[in-house]
C-alpha atoms as a PDB file:
ATOM      1  CA  MET A   1     135.336 110.789  95.472  1.00  0.00           C
ATOM      2  CA  PHE A   2     132.991 110.024  92.603  1.00  0.00           C
ATOM      3  CA  LEU A   3     134.862 106.785  91.909  1.00  0.00           C
ATOM      4  CA  ASP A   4     134.342 105.653  95.523  1.00  0.00           C
ATOM      5  CA  GLU A   5     130.583 105.894  95.076  1.00  0.00           C
ATOM      6  CA  LEU A   6     130.658 103.772  91.911  1.00  0.00           C
ATOM      7  CA  THR A   7     132.894 101.027  93.329  1.00  0.00           C
ATOM      8  CA  PRO A   8     129.999  98.850  94.689  1.00  0.00           C
ATOM      9  CA  ILE A   9     128.285  99.003  91.294  1.00  0.00           C
ATOM     10  CA  PHE A  10     131.417  97.807  89.523  1.00  0.00           C
ATOM     11  CA  LYS A  11     131.873  94.998  92.067  1.00  0.00           C
ATOM     12  CA  GLN A  12     128.336  93.730  91.496  1.00  0.00           C
ATOM     13  CA  PHE A  13     128.791  93.928  87.739  1.00  0.00           C
ATOM     14  CA  ALA A  14     132.060  91.975  87.932  1.00  0.00           C
ATOM     15  CA  GLN A  15     130.573  89.259  90.162  1.00  0.00           C
ATOM     16  CA  HIS A  16     127.198  88.768  88.405  1.00  0.00           C
ATOM     17  CA  PRO A  17     127.202  90.423  84.959  1.00  0.00           C
ATOM     18  CA  ALA A  18     124.044  88.732  83.601  1.00  0.00           C
ATOM     19  CA  SER A  19     121.855  89.462  86.617  1.00  0.00           C
ATOM     20  CA  PHE A  20     123.268  92.985  86.892  1.00  0.00           C
ATOM     21  CA  MET A  21     122.441  93.769  83.261  1.00  0.00           C
ATOM     22  CA  GLY A  22     118.992  92.203  83.630  1.00  0.00           C
ATOM     23  CA  GLY A  23     118.271  94.346  86.651  1.00  0.00           C
ATOM     24  CA  PHE A  24     119.665  97.418  84.935  1.00  0.00           C
ATOM     25  CA  VAL A  25     117.523  96.897  81.823  1.00  0.00           C
ATOM     26  CA  SER A  26     114.381  96.165  83.844  1.00  0.00           C
ATOM     27  CA  GLY A  27     115.003  99.297  85.893  1.00  0.00           C
ATOM     28  CA  ALA A  28     115.625 101.408  82.801  1.00  0.00           C
ATOM     29  CA  LEU A  29     112.418 100.123  81.189  1.00  0.00           C
ATOM     30  CA  LYS A  30     110.574 100.446  84.530  1.00  0.00           C
ATOM     31  CA  LEU A  31     109.469  96.802  84.463  1.00  0.00           C
ATOM     32  CA  SER A  32     108.038  95.338  87.622  1.00  0.00           C
ATOM     33  CA  LEU A  33     108.897  91.753  88.474  1.00  0.00           C
ATOM     34  CA  ALA A  34     105.408  91.310  89.924  1.00  0.00           C
ATOM     35  CA  ASP A  35     103.656  92.166  86.627  1.00  0.00           C
ATOM     36  CA  ASP A  36     102.302  89.223  84.691  1.00  0.00           C
ATOM     37  CA  PRO A  37     104.460  89.123  81.532  1.00  0.00           C
ATOM     38  CA  VAL A  38     107.710  89.405  83.463  1.00  0.00           C
ATOM     39  CA  LYS A  39     106.537  87.211  86.333  1.00  0.00           C
ATOM     40  CA  SER A  40     105.358  84.395  84.056  1.00  0.00           C
ATOM     41  CA  TRP A  41     108.580  84.536  82.039  1.00  0.00           C
ATOM     42  CA  LEU A  42     110.682  84.371  85.217  1.00  0.00           C
ATOM     43  CA  ASN A  43     108.658  81.443  86.526  1.00  0.00           C
ATOM     44  CA  GLN A  44     109.066  79.652  83.209  1.00  0.00           C
ATOM     45  CA  GLN A  45     112.837  80.225  83.238  1.00  0.00           C
ATOM     46  CA  LEU A  46     113.139  79.029  86.826  1.00  0.00           C
ATOM     47  CA  GLY A  47     110.766  76.104  86.357  1.00  0.00           C
ATOM     48  CA  VAL A  48     108.595  77.247  89.249  1.00  0.00           C
ATOM     49  CA  ASN A  49     104.950  76.225  89.427  1.00  0.00           C
ATOM     50  CA  THR A  50     103.059  78.932  91.313  1.00  0.00           C
ATOM     51  CA  ASN A  51      99.503  77.915  90.451  1.00  0.00           C
ATOM     52  CA  SER A  52      98.812  76.563  93.935  1.00  0.00           C
ATOM     53  CA  ALA A  53     100.400  79.617  95.557  1.00  0.00           C
ATOM     54  CA  ASN A  54      98.323  81.984  93.430  1.00  0.00           C
ATOM     55  CA  ASN A  55      95.087  80.252  94.445  1.00  0.00           C
ATOM     56  CA  SER A  56      95.779  80.747  98.140  1.00  0.00           C
ATOM     57  CA  ASP A  57      96.767  84.390  97.564  1.00  0.00           C
ATOM     58  CA  THR A  58      93.632  85.197  95.590  1.00  0.00           C
ATOM     59  CA  GLN A  59      91.326  83.545  98.134  1.00  0.00           C
ATOM     60  CA  ASN A  60      92.872  85.381 101.087  1.00  0.00           C
ATOM     61  CA  GLY A  61      90.600  83.636 103.578  1.00  0.00           C
ATOM     62  CA  ARG A  62      87.377  84.400 101.706  1.00  0.00           C
ATOM     63  CA  THR A  63      84.764  81.971 100.491  1.00  0.00           C
ATOM     64  CA  SER A  64      83.684  81.998  96.887  1.00  0.00           C
ATOM     65  CA  GLY A  65      81.055  84.507  95.840  1.00  0.00           C
ATOM     66  CA  PRO A  66      79.899  87.779  97.316  1.00  0.00           C
ATOM     67  CA  GLN A  67      79.173  88.068 101.002  1.00  0.00           C
ATOM     68  CA  SER A  68      76.608  90.242 102.705  1.00  0.00           C
ATOM     69  CA  ILE A  69      77.250  92.372 105.743  1.00  0.00           C
ATOM     70  CA  SER A  70      74.864  94.166 108.060  1.00  0.00           C
ATOM     71  CA  ILE A  71      75.596  97.628 109.391  1.00  0.00           C
ATOM     72  CA  ASP A  72      73.830  98.709 112.607  1.00  0.00           C
END
């Protein structure tokens, strides 16, 4: 019974040992893939340039500088 619950874990480990261990270590250390040190390292390893994507995310439809609003 207990072995049946662990079978999917062993299958994933057998198919992708490096990614499994990376995920296991990041989970054990409670690292988030969205945090900057891990995210920048992953982007560097993958060769992904996300500078243009980050600019559109940070703008989020806003113009630069503070905006004023009026409340009636």
